[in-house]
Amino acid sequence: MDIIFEILFDIIVEGPYVAVTERRVPLLLRIAAGILLIAVFGGLAAFLILYGINNEEWLLAAAGAALLVFFIFGAVKVFKKRRRGEKKESSTPEE
């Protein structure tokens, strides 16, 4: 069961993330992948917040709010970096 969830997570989250960050992917597809990422993370954060509030689990609601805040700050940081024209940071060392 864990393997199935891991494969689904890879398809739903990591696939669109790679598509959004690659410049070789057509713009329309990158926008659709970005919308999918926003929907997944926004939905997860909203679920955690609402579930935490309804069941008076304030720590869970705070975790959902923190997830939402970190996602927004991360997205704004990447957007500003791209807007200035800086290249994507490479995870492999240059030789």
N, C-alpha and C. Protein backbone atom coordinates (compact mmCIF):
# COMPACT_ATOMS: atom_id res chain seq x y z
N MET A 1 0.82 -1.19 0.00
CA MET A 1 0.00 0.00 0.00
C MET A 1 0.87 1.26 0.00
N ASP A 2 1.97 1.24 0.75
CA ASP A 2 2.86 2.40 0.78
C ASP A 2 3.48 2.65 -0.59
N ILE A 3 3.79 1.59 -1.30
CA ILE A 3 4.39 1.73 -2.62
C ILE A 3 3.42 2.41 -3.58
N ILE A 4 2.15 2.07 -3.48
CA ILE A 4 1.14 2.67 -4.35
C ILE A 4 1.03 4.17 -4.07
N PHE A 5 1.00 4.55 -2.78
CA PHE A 5 0.93 5.96 -2.44
C PHE A 5 2.19 6.71 -2.89
N GLU A 6 3.33 6.07 -2.79
CA GLU A 6 4.57 6.71 -3.22
C GLU A 6 4.57 6.94 -4.73
N ILE A 7 4.11 5.98 -5.49
CA ILE A 7 4.03 6.13 -6.94
C ILE A 7 3.04 7.23 -7.31
N LEU A 8 1.87 7.24 -6.66
CA LEU A 8 0.88 8.28 -6.93
C LEU A 8 1.42 9.66 -6.58
N PHE A 9 2.13 9.76 -5.46
CA PHE A 9 2.72 11.04 -5.06
C PHE A 9 3.74 11.50 -6.09
N ASP A 10 4.57 10.57 -6.58
CA ASP A 10 5.54 10.93 -7.60
C ASP A 10 4.86 11.46 -8.86
N ILE A 11 3.79 10.82 -9.26
CA ILE A 11 3.09 11.24 -10.47
C ILE A 11 2.39 12.57 -10.27
N ILE A 12 1.70 12.73 -9.14
CA ILE A 12 0.88 13.91 -8.92
C ILE A 12 1.70 15.15 -8.56
N VAL A 13 2.76 14.99 -7.79
CA VAL A 13 3.50 16.17 -7.32
C VAL A 13 4.82 16.36 -8.05
N GLU A 14 5.64 15.34 -8.12
CA GLU A 14 6.96 15.52 -8.71
C GLU A 14 6.92 15.71 -10.22
N GLY A 15 5.99 15.07 -10.89
CA GLY A 15 5.85 15.24 -12.34
C GLY A 15 5.55 16.68 -12.72
N PRO A 16 4.50 17.27 -12.15
CA PRO A 16 4.22 18.67 -12.46
C PRO A 16 5.33 19.62 -12.00
N TYR A 17 6.01 19.31 -10.88
CA TYR A 17 7.08 20.18 -10.43
C TYR A 17 8.21 20.23 -11.46
N VAL A 18 8.57 19.08 -12.01
CA VAL A 18 9.61 19.04 -13.04
C VAL A 18 9.13 19.77 -14.29
N ALA A 19 7.87 19.57 -14.64
CA ALA A 19 7.33 20.23 -15.83
C ALA A 19 7.32 21.74 -15.68
N VAL A 20 7.04 22.23 -14.49
CA VAL A 20 6.99 23.68 -14.25
C VAL A 20 8.38 24.28 -14.34
N THR A 21 9.39 23.57 -13.87
CA THR A 21 10.74 24.13 -13.82
C THR A 21 11.52 23.98 -15.12
N GLU A 22 11.08 23.16 -16.03
CA GLU A 22 11.80 22.96 -17.29
C GLU A 22 11.35 23.97 -18.34
N ARG A 23 12.28 24.66 -18.93
CA ARG A 23 11.96 25.64 -19.97
C ARG A 23 11.64 24.97 -21.31
N ARG A 24 12.04 23.73 -21.50
CA ARG A 24 11.78 23.05 -22.77
C ARG A 24 10.34 22.58 -22.90
N VAL A 25 9.61 22.56 -21.80
CA VAL A 25 8.21 22.17 -21.82
C VAL A 25 7.39 23.37 -22.30
N PRO A 26 6.40 23.15 -23.17
CA PRO A 26 5.58 24.28 -23.67
C PRO A 26 4.93 25.05 -22.52
N LEU A 27 4.77 26.35 -22.73
CA LEU A 27 4.26 27.25 -21.70
C LEU A 27 2.88 26.82 -21.20
N LEU A 28 2.00 26.45 -22.10
CA LEU A 28 0.65 26.05 -21.71
C LEU A 28 0.68 24.84 -20.78
N LEU A 29 1.56 23.89 -21.06
CA LEU A 29 1.69 22.71 -20.21
C LEU A 29 2.29 23.07 -18.85
N ARG A 30 3.23 24.02 -18.84
CA ARG A 30 3.81 24.46 -17.57
C ARG A 30 2.78 25.18 -16.71
N ILE A 31 1.92 25.96 -17.33
CA ILE A 31 0.87 26.64 -16.58
C ILE A 31 -0.11 25.64 -15.99
N ALA A 32 -0.50 24.64 -16.79
CA ALA A 32 -1.42 23.60 -16.29
C ALA A 32 -0.78 22.83 -15.14
N ALA A 33 0.50 22.51 -15.25
CA ALA A 33 1.19 21.80 -14.18
C ALA A 33 1.29 22.67 -12.93
N GLY A 34 1.51 23.95 -13.09
CA GLY A 34 1.56 24.87 -11.95
C GLY A 34 0.21 24.96 -11.25
N ILE A 35 -0.86 25.00 -12.03
CA ILE A 35 -2.20 25.03 -11.44
C ILE A 35 -2.46 23.74 -10.66
N LEU A 36 -2.02 22.61 -11.21
CA LEU A 36 -2.18 21.34 -10.51
C LEU A 36 -1.41 21.34 -9.18
N LEU A 37 -0.19 21.86 -9.18
CA LEU A 37 0.59 21.93 -7.95
C LEU A 37 -0.07 22.83 -6.92
N ILE A 38 -0.57 23.98 -7.36
CA ILE A 38 -1.25 24.89 -6.45
C ILE A 38 -2.49 24.22 -5.86
N ALA A 39 -3.23 23.51 -6.70
CA ALA A 39 -4.44 22.83 -6.23
C ALA A 39 -4.11 21.74 -5.21
N VAL A 40 -3.06 20.97 -5.46
CA VAL A 40 -2.70 19.88 -4.55
C VAL A 40 -2.24 20.44 -3.20
N PHE A 41 -1.29 21.37 -3.21
CA PHE A 41 -0.79 21.91 -1.95
C PHE A 41 -1.82 22.77 -1.24
N GLY A 42 -2.57 23.55 -2.00
CA GLY A 42 -3.62 24.36 -1.39
C GLY A 42 -4.72 23.50 -0.79
N GLY A 43 -5.09 22.43 -1.49
CA GLY A 43 -6.10 21.52 -0.97
C GLY A 43 -5.64 20.79 0.28
N LEU A 44 -4.39 20.38 0.28
CA LEU A 44 -3.84 19.70 1.46
C LEU A 44 -3.81 20.64 2.66
N ALA A 45 -3.36 21.87 2.43
CA ALA A 45 -3.31 22.85 3.52
C ALA A 45 -4.71 23.18 4.02
N ALA A 46 -5.65 23.37 3.09
CA ALA A 46 -7.03 23.68 3.48
C ALA A 46 -7.64 22.52 4.26
N PHE A 47 -7.37 21.29 3.82
CA PHE A 47 -7.89 20.12 4.53
C PHE A 47 -7.35 20.07 5.96
N LEU A 48 -6.05 20.28 6.11
CA LEU A 48 -5.46 20.24 7.45
C LEU A 48 -6.02 21.34 8.34
N ILE A 49 -6.17 22.54 7.79
CA ILE A 49 -6.70 23.65 8.58
C ILE A 49 -8.14 23.39 8.99
N LEU A 50 -8.99 23.02 8.03
CA LEU A 50 -10.40 22.80 8.34
C LEU A 50 -10.62 21.61 9.26
N TYR A 51 -9.90 20.53 9.03
CA TYR A 51 -10.03 19.36 9.90
C TYR A 51 -9.57 19.69 11.31
N GLY A 52 -8.47 20.44 11.41
CA GLY A 52 -7.97 20.83 12.73
C GLY A 52 -8.93 21.74 13.47
N ILE A 53 -9.55 22.68 12.76
CA ILE A 53 -10.50 23.59 13.41
C ILE A 53 -11.76 22.85 13.83
N ASN A 54 -12.31 22.02 12.96
CA ASN A 54 -13.55 21.31 13.26
C ASN A 54 -13.41 20.33 14.43
N ASN A 55 -12.25 19.72 14.58
CA ASN A 55 -12.03 18.75 15.64
C ASN A 55 -11.22 19.33 16.80
N GLU A 56 -11.05 20.63 16.80
CA GLU A 56 -10.30 21.34 17.84
C GLU A 56 -8.89 20.78 18.03
N GLU A 57 -8.28 20.41 16.92
CA GLU A 57 -6.89 19.99 16.90
C GLU A 57 -6.07 21.18 16.41
N TRP A 58 -5.72 22.07 17.31
CA TRP A 58 -5.11 23.32 16.93
C TRP A 58 -3.70 23.14 16.38
N LEU A 59 -3.01 22.12 16.81
CA LEU A 59 -1.68 21.86 16.28
C LEU A 59 -1.76 21.45 14.80
N LEU A 60 -2.76 20.66 14.45
CA LEU A 60 -2.96 20.25 13.06
C LEU A 60 -3.35 21.45 12.20
N ALA A 61 -4.20 22.32 12.72
CA ALA A 61 -4.58 23.53 11.99
C ALA A 61 -3.36 24.44 11.80
N ALA A 62 -2.53 24.54 12.81
CA ALA A 62 -1.32 25.36 12.70
C ALA A 62 -0.34 24.77 11.69
N ALA A 63 -0.25 23.44 11.64
CA ALA A 63 0.61 22.79 10.65
C ALA A 63 0.12 23.07 9.24
N GLY A 64 -1.19 23.04 9.04
CA GLY A 64 -1.75 23.36 7.73
C GLY A 64 -1.50 24.80 7.34
N ALA A 65 -1.64 25.71 8.30
CA ALA A 65 -1.37 27.12 8.04
C ALA A 65 0.11 27.34 7.73
N ALA A 66 0.99 26.66 8.44
CA ALA A 66 2.42 26.78 8.18
C ALA A 66 2.77 26.24 6.79
N LEU A 67 2.16 25.13 6.41
CA LEU A 67 2.38 24.57 5.08
C LEU A 67 1.96 25.57 4.01
N LEU A 68 0.82 26.19 4.22
CA LEU A 68 0.33 27.18 3.27
C LEU A 68 1.26 28.39 3.18
N VAL A 69 1.71 28.87 4.31
CA VAL A 69 2.61 30.04 4.33
C VAL A 69 3.94 29.71 3.65
N PHE A 70 4.52 28.55 3.96
CA PHE A 70 5.79 28.17 3.33
C PHE A 70 5.64 27.99 1.83
N PHE A 71 4.52 27.43 1.40
CA PHE A 71 4.28 27.25 -0.03
C PHE A 71 4.17 28.61 -0.73
N ILE A 72 3.45 29.54 -0.13
CA ILE A 72 3.29 30.86 -0.73
C ILE A 72 4.62 31.59 -0.80
N PHE A 73 5.40 31.58 0.30
CA PHE A 73 6.70 32.25 0.28
C PHE A 73 7.65 31.60 -0.72
N GLY A 74 7.64 30.29 -0.81
CA GLY A 74 8.49 29.60 -1.79
C GLY A 74 8.11 29.94 -3.21
N ALA A 75 6.81 29.98 -3.49
CA ALA A 75 6.36 30.30 -4.84
C ALA A 75 6.71 31.74 -5.21
N VAL A 76 6.55 32.66 -4.28
CA VAL A 76 6.89 34.06 -4.55
C VAL A 76 8.39 34.21 -4.78
N LYS A 77 9.19 33.51 -4.01
CA LYS A 77 10.65 33.58 -4.16
C LYS A 77 11.07 33.08 -5.54
N VAL A 78 10.53 31.95 -5.96
CA VAL A 78 10.86 31.40 -7.28
C VAL A 78 10.36 32.34 -8.39
N PHE A 79 9.16 32.88 -8.23
CA PHE A 79 8.61 33.77 -9.24
C PHE A 79 9.47 35.02 -9.40
N LYS A 80 9.90 35.61 -8.28
CA LYS A 80 10.74 36.81 -8.36
C LYS A 80 12.09 36.50 -8.99
N LYS A 81 12.65 35.33 -8.66
CA LYS A 81 13.93 34.94 -9.23
C LYS A 81 13.80 34.77 -10.74
N ARG A 82 12.74 34.12 -11.18
CA ARG A 82 12.52 33.92 -12.61
C ARG A 82 12.25 35.25 -13.32
N ARG A 83 11.58 36.14 -12.65
CA ARG A 83 11.24 37.43 -13.24
C ARG A 83 12.49 38.26 -13.49
N ARG A 84 13.49 38.12 -12.60
CA ARG A 84 14.75 38.84 -12.77
C ARG A 84 15.63 38.19 -13.83
N GLY A 85 15.30 36.97 -14.23
CA GLY A 85 16.05 36.30 -15.29
C GLY A 85 17.17 35.43 -14.81
N GLU A 86 17.22 35.14 -13.51
CA GLU A 86 18.27 34.27 -13.01
C GLU A 86 17.99 32.84 -13.42
N LYS A 87 19.05 32.11 -13.66
CA LYS A 87 18.89 30.72 -14.06
C LYS A 87 18.59 29.85 -12.87
N LYS A 88 18.01 28.68 -13.16
CA LYS A 88 17.70 27.73 -12.11
C LYS A 88 18.98 27.19 -11.52
N GLU A 89 18.97 27.02 -10.19
CA GLU A 89 20.14 26.49 -9.50
C GLU A 89 20.31 25.02 -9.87
N SER A 90 21.51 24.66 -10.19
CA SER A 90 21.79 23.28 -10.57
C SER A 90 22.10 22.46 -9.34
N SER A 91 21.58 21.24 -9.31
CA SER A 91 21.85 20.37 -8.17
C SER A 91 23.14 19.57 -8.38
N THR A 92 23.69 19.61 -9.60
CA THR A 92 24.94 18.91 -9.87
C THR A 92 26.07 19.93 -9.94
N PRO A 93 27.22 19.57 -9.40
CA PRO A 93 28.34 20.52 -9.42
C PRO A 93 28.88 20.73 -10.83
N GLU A 94 29.27 21.96 -11.13
CA GLU A 94 29.86 22.29 -12.43
C GLU A 94 31.30 21.82 -12.44
N GLU A 95 31.75 21.31 -13.56
CA GLU A 95 33.14 20.86 -13.66
C GLU A 95 33.90 21.73 -14.60
